[in-house]
Amino acid sequence: MSLPPPANDQSYWEVSAIDAGHVHMLLSQLVDTAKEGEMVDLPVLSFVLRHSRTGEVILFDLGIRPDTEAYTGARALADTMNITFQGRDIPTALERGGVPRAKVKHVVISHIHFDHAGYPRAFPNAQFIIGGVARKVIEEQGPDYPGTFYSIDVPSERVLYLRPEEPTGRGWAPLGPFPHALDFFGDGSLYVVDAPGHVPGHICVMARTSADGAWVCLAGDGAHDWRHLTGEAGIGHNPVCMHLDLSSALENIARLKAVRDIPRVRVLLAHDVPFVQEGKGYWPEKIASL
């Protein structure tokens, strides 16, 4: 298993993490090895990517918006599952590091759960990249998304829905273990990857982090816990499975395992406890490239 080699003078992305909130919940909702009643403070991460040549800024996920009272449907469901959460002001955090929110031209939303979709309207010049299968959910269940953890308030005129079945003029192709990936800028530096299983329209990103062959995989909720990738735990089902399509989710986890084993690939989860415990690479500092 391999990834495309770098081109001559290959462009790449510098990557930083942002603390985007946290969720307090039963661990057994995520892993099948949890003790009865064991709780977890789950970190929520967003990521800032800056292009090595153009300086363009992309965000991957927007975390939990700070005004959590806006989450009507999600909060009602969370209350029934003993889940509490806190948000963060991502635009202000970005600006403290020297990047005005108006400079952000693209935001990739891994999926439309409340703890990833944040508040898109805070970015006035951004185009929002969303997995195409989510479009039906947004149009039919929004804006309140009753009985679900979905929550997204996105300006429809600035959304690009991507899915392999709906070509955009640039073809989807295999990338390493992933069957469908789109070279978004056409320079081989960043790929939007179809990563089904968790919820409709779940996507992740594969981005180069050096000119000589290093990568990062921003996996979203392809796995909620690193133990899913190491084999130390299976997916939890208390009270329900957090993945809507378990079979596809397990296939995607297998692909994440495979890409993790490729030399010089760093995999980062949206709720990456080991990364948070290490405490390095938060904006405006950079995550070290492998």
Protein backbone atom coordinates (compact mmCIF):
# COMPACT_ATOMS: atom_id res chain seq x y z
CA MET A 1 0.00 0.00 0.00
CA SER A 2 1.40 3.41 -0.97
CA LEU A 3 0.42 6.98 -1.70
CA PRO A 4 1.36 9.09 -4.75
CA PRO A 5 4.97 10.27 -4.65
CA PRO A 6 5.56 14.03 -4.49
CA ALA A 7 5.99 16.00 -7.68
CA ASN A 8 8.97 18.22 -8.31
CA ASP A 9 8.54 21.37 -6.19
CA GLN A 10 5.54 19.74 -4.49
CA SER A 11 3.23 22.08 -2.57
CA TYR A 12 1.97 21.01 0.84
CA TRP A 13 0.07 22.22 3.92
CA GLU A 14 1.11 23.33 7.38
CA VAL A 15 -1.42 21.97 9.88
CA SER A 16 -2.44 23.20 13.34
CA ALA A 17 -5.12 22.10 15.78
CA ILE A 18 -7.69 24.26 17.54
CA ASP A 19 -9.47 23.36 20.76
CA ALA A 20 -13.06 23.33 19.48
CA GLY A 21 -14.92 22.29 22.63
CA HIS A 22 -15.56 19.14 24.60
CA VAL A 23 -18.29 16.55 25.19
CA HIS A 24 -18.92 14.76 28.50
CA MET A 25 -20.55 11.38 27.94
CA LEU A 26 -20.66 7.70 28.80
CA LEU A 27 -17.60 5.98 27.40
CA SER A 28 -19.70 2.89 26.63
CA GLN A 29 -21.39 4.92 23.89
CA LEU A 30 -18.05 4.83 22.07
CA VAL A 31 -16.11 1.67 23.03
CA ASP A 32 -17.19 -1.79 24.09
CA THR A 33 -14.51 -2.12 26.79
CA ALA A 34 -15.81 0.67 29.05
CA LYS A 35 -16.68 -0.04 32.67
CA GLU A 36 -20.28 0.40 33.73
CA GLY A 37 -21.00 4.08 34.30
CA GLU A 38 -17.53 5.19 33.16
CA MET A 39 -17.60 8.75 31.81
CA VAL A 40 -15.22 10.49 29.41
CA ASP A 41 -14.39 14.13 28.67
CA LEU A 42 -14.10 13.93 24.92
CA PRO A 43 -12.02 16.67 23.27
CA VAL A 44 -13.27 18.22 20.06
CA LEU A 45 -10.67 19.36 17.54
CA SER A 46 -10.76 21.55 14.46
CA PHE A 47 -7.77 21.98 12.18
CA VAL A 48 -6.19 24.92 10.35
CA LEU A 49 -4.31 24.21 7.11
CA ARG A 50 -2.09 26.75 5.33
CA HIS A 51 -0.81 26.19 1.80
CA SER A 52 2.98 26.27 1.51
CA ARG A 53 2.98 28.28 -1.70
CA THR A 54 -0.12 30.47 -1.73
CA GLY A 55 -0.72 30.89 2.00
CA GLU A 56 -4.37 29.98 1.50
CA VAL A 57 -6.12 28.96 4.72
CA ILE A 58 -8.54 26.03 4.98
CA LEU A 59 -10.40 24.88 8.06
CA PHE A 60 -11.32 21.27 8.66
CA ASP A 61 -14.40 21.18 10.92
CA LEU A 62 -15.72 24.00 13.11
CA GLY A 63 -16.32 22.20 16.40
CA ILE A 64 -19.08 23.24 18.79
CA ARG A 65 -20.40 26.78 18.52
CA PRO A 66 -20.14 28.76 21.78
CA ASP A 67 -23.84 29.67 21.97
CA THR A 68 -24.92 26.09 22.62
CA GLU A 69 -28.52 27.14 23.27
CA ALA A 70 -28.82 27.23 19.47
CA TYR A 71 -28.66 23.43 19.40
CA THR A 72 -32.36 22.72 19.89
CA GLY A 73 -32.66 19.22 18.44
CA ALA A 74 -29.18 18.04 19.46
CA ARG A 75 -29.50 19.33 23.02
CA ALA A 76 -32.82 17.57 23.52
CA LEU A 77 -31.33 14.25 22.35
CA ALA A 78 -28.16 14.79 24.40
CA ASP A 79 -30.24 15.25 27.55
CA THR A 80 -31.78 11.81 27.07
CA MET A 81 -28.31 10.23 26.73
CA ASN A 82 -26.59 11.92 29.70
CA ILE A 83 -24.42 14.00 27.35
CA THR A 84 -23.27 17.55 28.12
CA PHE A 85 -21.06 19.77 25.99
CA GLN A 86 -19.29 23.13 25.75
CA GLY A 87 -18.31 25.11 22.68
CA ARG A 88 -15.55 27.47 21.59
CA ASP A 89 -15.33 30.68 19.56
CA ILE A 90 -13.30 29.34 16.62
CA PRO A 91 -13.22 32.58 14.54
CA THR A 92 -11.80 34.54 17.50
CA ALA A 93 -9.22 31.82 18.21
CA LEU A 94 -8.15 31.93 14.58
CA GLU A 95 -7.81 35.71 14.63
CA ARG A 96 -5.72 35.66 17.81
CA GLY A 97 -3.23 33.63 15.77
CA GLY A 98 -3.13 36.25 13.02
CA VAL A 99 -5.66 34.99 10.44
CA PRO A 100 -8.82 37.11 9.97
CA ARG A 101 -11.99 35.06 9.48
CA ALA A 102 -12.52 36.82 6.15
CA LYS A 103 -9.32 35.25 4.82
CA VAL A 104 -10.71 31.70 5.11
CA LYS A 105 -11.73 30.63 1.59
CA HIS A 106 -12.67 26.98 2.19
CA VAL A 107 -14.09 25.06 5.14
CA VAL A 108 -14.37 21.28 4.94
CA ILE A 109 -17.10 19.90 7.20
CA SER A 110 -16.44 16.23 7.90
CA HIS A 111 -20.12 15.71 8.73
CA ILE A 112 -23.14 17.59 10.01
CA HIS A 113 -23.16 16.53 13.67
CA PHE A 114 -23.39 19.52 16.02
CA ASP A 115 -19.86 19.04 17.39
CA HIS A 116 -18.28 19.39 13.95
CA ALA A 117 -20.41 21.91 12.05
CA GLY A 118 -19.95 24.90 14.39
CA TYR A 119 -21.26 28.21 13.03
CA PRO A 120 -20.42 28.47 9.31
CA ARG A 121 -21.95 31.93 8.88
CA ALA A 122 -19.10 33.38 10.95
CA PHE A 123 -16.87 32.98 7.85
CA PRO A 124 -18.19 35.47 5.29
CA ASN A 125 -15.99 34.51 2.33
CA ALA A 126 -15.74 30.74 2.74
CA GLN A 127 -17.04 28.01 0.52
CA PHE A 128 -18.21 25.02 2.53
CA ILE A 129 -17.27 21.53 1.36
CA ILE A 130 -19.81 18.94 2.51
CA GLY A 131 -20.30 15.29 1.58
CA GLY A 132 -23.02 15.17 -1.04
CA VAL A 133 -25.17 12.54 0.69
CA ALA A 134 -25.77 15.05 3.51
CA ARG A 135 -27.64 17.39 1.18
CA LYS A 136 -30.89 15.45 1.46
CA VAL A 137 -30.66 15.50 5.27
CA ILE A 138 -30.02 19.25 5.34
CA GLU A 139 -32.87 20.06 2.97
CA GLU A 140 -35.42 17.73 4.57
CA GLN A 141 -34.59 17.90 8.30
CA GLY A 142 -33.15 21.38 8.82
CA PRO A 143 -33.05 23.80 10.46
CA ASP A 144 -33.98 22.07 13.74
CA TYR A 145 -33.07 18.43 12.95
CA PRO A 146 -35.42 17.06 15.66
CA GLY A 147 -34.40 13.80 17.33
CA THR A 148 -30.87 13.84 15.89
CA PHE A 149 -27.36 15.16 16.60
CA TYR A 150 -27.38 16.94 13.25
CA SER A 151 -27.08 20.72 13.41
CA ILE A 152 -25.76 22.99 10.71
CA ASP A 153 -26.65 26.52 9.67
CA VAL A 154 -24.82 26.96 6.41
CA PRO A 155 -25.42 29.56 3.65
CA SER A 156 -26.74 27.39 0.82
CA GLU A 157 -25.31 29.64 -1.89
CA ARG A 158 -21.78 28.90 -0.63
CA VAL A 159 -21.96 25.11 -0.28
CA LEU A 160 -20.20 22.66 -2.57
CA TYR A 161 -21.62 19.18 -2.11
CA LEU A 162 -19.15 16.48 -3.16
CA ARG A 163 -19.80 12.80 -3.79
CA PRO A 164 -18.28 10.28 -6.20
CA GLU A 165 -21.65 9.72 -7.89
CA GLU A 166 -21.91 13.42 -8.80
CA PRO A 167 -18.80 14.38 -10.79
CA THR A 168 -17.60 17.95 -10.41
CA GLY A 169 -15.53 17.93 -13.59
CA ARG A 170 -12.51 16.59 -11.68
CA GLY A 171 -12.53 12.84 -11.32
CA TRP A 172 -12.57 10.84 -8.13
CA ALA A 173 -9.92 8.14 -7.99
CA PRO A 174 -8.45 5.68 -5.48
CA LEU A 175 -5.92 7.04 -3.00
CA GLY A 176 -4.02 4.48 -0.96
CA PRO A 177 -6.64 2.34 0.79
CA PHE A 178 -9.49 4.75 0.00
CA PRO A 179 -11.60 3.93 -3.09
CA HIS A 180 -12.76 7.49 -3.74
CA ALA A 181 -10.67 10.64 -3.30
CA LEU A 182 -10.77 14.01 -5.06
CA ASP A 183 -7.62 16.05 -5.73
CA PHE A 184 -9.36 19.24 -4.66
CA PHE A 185 -6.87 21.85 -5.90
CA GLY A 186 -5.43 19.77 -8.71
CA ASP A 187 -1.88 20.04 -7.37
CA GLY A 188 -1.76 16.75 -5.47
CA SER A 189 -1.54 18.55 -2.12
CA LEU A 190 -5.00 17.90 -0.62
CA TYR A 191 -7.62 15.23 -1.25
CA VAL A 192 -11.21 15.13 -0.07
CA VAL A 193 -11.93 11.49 0.74
CA ASP A 194 -15.30 9.76 0.76
CA ALA A 195 -15.41 8.03 4.17
CA PRO A 196 -18.89 6.56 4.64
CA GLY A 197 -20.42 4.79 7.60
CA HIS A 198 -20.71 7.27 10.46
CA VAL A 199 -23.50 9.50 9.11
CA PRO A 200 -24.64 10.47 5.60
CA GLY A 201 -21.98 12.46 3.79
CA HIS A 202 -19.04 11.77 6.11
CA ILE A 203 -15.76 12.81 4.49
CA CYS A 204 -12.15 13.15 5.60
CA VAL A 205 -9.04 14.85 4.23
CA MET A 206 -5.63 13.56 3.17
CA ALA A 207 -3.11 16.38 2.92
CA ARG A 208 0.61 16.48 2.25
CA THR A 209 2.61 18.04 5.08
CA SER A 210 6.00 18.24 3.37
CA ALA A 211 7.48 18.48 -0.10
CA ASP A 212 9.19 15.09 0.27
CA GLY A 213 6.46 12.61 1.12
CA ALA A 214 4.77 13.24 4.51
CA TRP A 215 1.00 13.27 4.95
CA VAL A 216 -1.74 13.84 7.48
CA CYS A 217 -5.11 12.09 7.49
CA LEU A 218 -7.78 14.19 9.20
CA ALA A 219 -10.21 11.38 9.92
CA GLY A 220 -13.17 13.19 11.48
CA ASP A 221 -15.38 10.65 13.21
CA GLY A 222 -14.20 7.77 11.04
CA ALA A 223 -13.12 6.46 14.46
CA HIS A 224 -14.14 8.02 17.76
CA ASP A 225 -11.33 6.47 19.77
CA TRP A 226 -7.78 5.38 18.96
CA ARG A 227 -8.54 1.94 20.39
CA HIS A 228 -10.73 1.31 17.35
CA LEU A 229 -7.59 1.60 15.23
CA THR A 230 -5.26 -0.35 17.49
CA GLY A 231 -7.73 -3.20 18.00
CA GLU A 232 -7.88 -2.68 21.77
CA ALA A 233 -11.62 -1.98 21.68
CA GLY A 234 -14.63 -2.34 19.42
CA ILE A 235 -17.42 0.11 18.74
CA GLY A 236 -19.77 0.78 21.65
CA HIS A 237 -23.52 0.24 21.44
CA ASN A 238 -24.85 1.78 24.66
CA PRO A 239 -27.64 2.67 24.16
CA VAL A 240 -27.23 2.68 20.36
CA CYS A 241 -24.39 2.51 17.86
CA MET A 242 -23.01 5.97 17.07
CA HIS A 243 -22.48 4.89 13.44
CA LEU A 244 -25.60 4.71 11.28
CA ASP A 245 -24.10 2.19 8.84
CA LEU A 246 -21.96 -0.11 10.98
CA SER A 247 -20.75 -2.27 8.10
CA SER A 248 -19.47 0.73 6.12
CA ALA A 249 -18.01 2.26 9.29
CA LEU A 250 -15.99 -0.88 9.97
CA GLU A 251 -14.73 -0.87 6.38
CA ASN A 252 -13.66 2.75 6.80
CA ILE A 253 -11.91 1.95 10.10
CA ALA A 254 -9.98 -0.79 8.27
CA ARG A 255 -8.89 1.81 5.70
CA LEU A 256 -7.76 4.17 8.46
CA LYS A 257 -5.72 1.34 9.95
CA ALA A 258 -4.14 0.73 6.55
CA VAL A 259 -3.28 4.37 5.94
CA ARG A 260 -1.86 4.67 9.47
CA ASP A 261 0.60 1.89 8.60
CA ILE A 262 1.97 3.74 5.57
CA PRO A 263 5.30 5.37 6.46
CA ARG A 264 5.17 9.10 7.22
CA VAL A 265 1.38 9.33 7.53
CA ARG A 266 -0.05 10.90 10.68
CA VAL A 267 -3.69 10.09 11.46
CA LEU A 268 -5.60 12.58 13.60
CA LEU A 269 -9.10 11.98 14.94
CA ALA A 270 -11.63 14.69 15.70
CA HIS A 271 -11.71 13.44 19.31
CA ASP A 272 -8.04 12.52 19.54
CA VAL A 273 -7.31 12.02 23.26
CA PRO A 274 -3.60 11.06 22.80
CA PHE A 275 -2.98 14.16 20.69
CA VAL A 276 -4.59 16.39 23.32
CA GLN A 277 -2.61 14.71 26.09
CA GLU A 278 0.62 15.42 24.19
CA GLY A 279 -0.44 19.06 23.92
CA LYS A 280 1.67 20.05 20.92
CA GLY A 281 0.72 21.66 17.62
CA TYR A 282 -2.09 23.97 18.68
CA TRP A 283 -2.70 27.06 16.60
CA PRO A 284 -0.68 29.16 15.86
CA GLU A 285 1.99 26.50 16.43
CA LYS A 286 2.24 23.76 13.81
CA ILE A 287 1.81 20.00 14.13
CA ALA A 288 5.18 18.43 13.36
CA SER A 289 5.34 16.74 9.98
CA LEU A 290 6.57 13.14 9.97
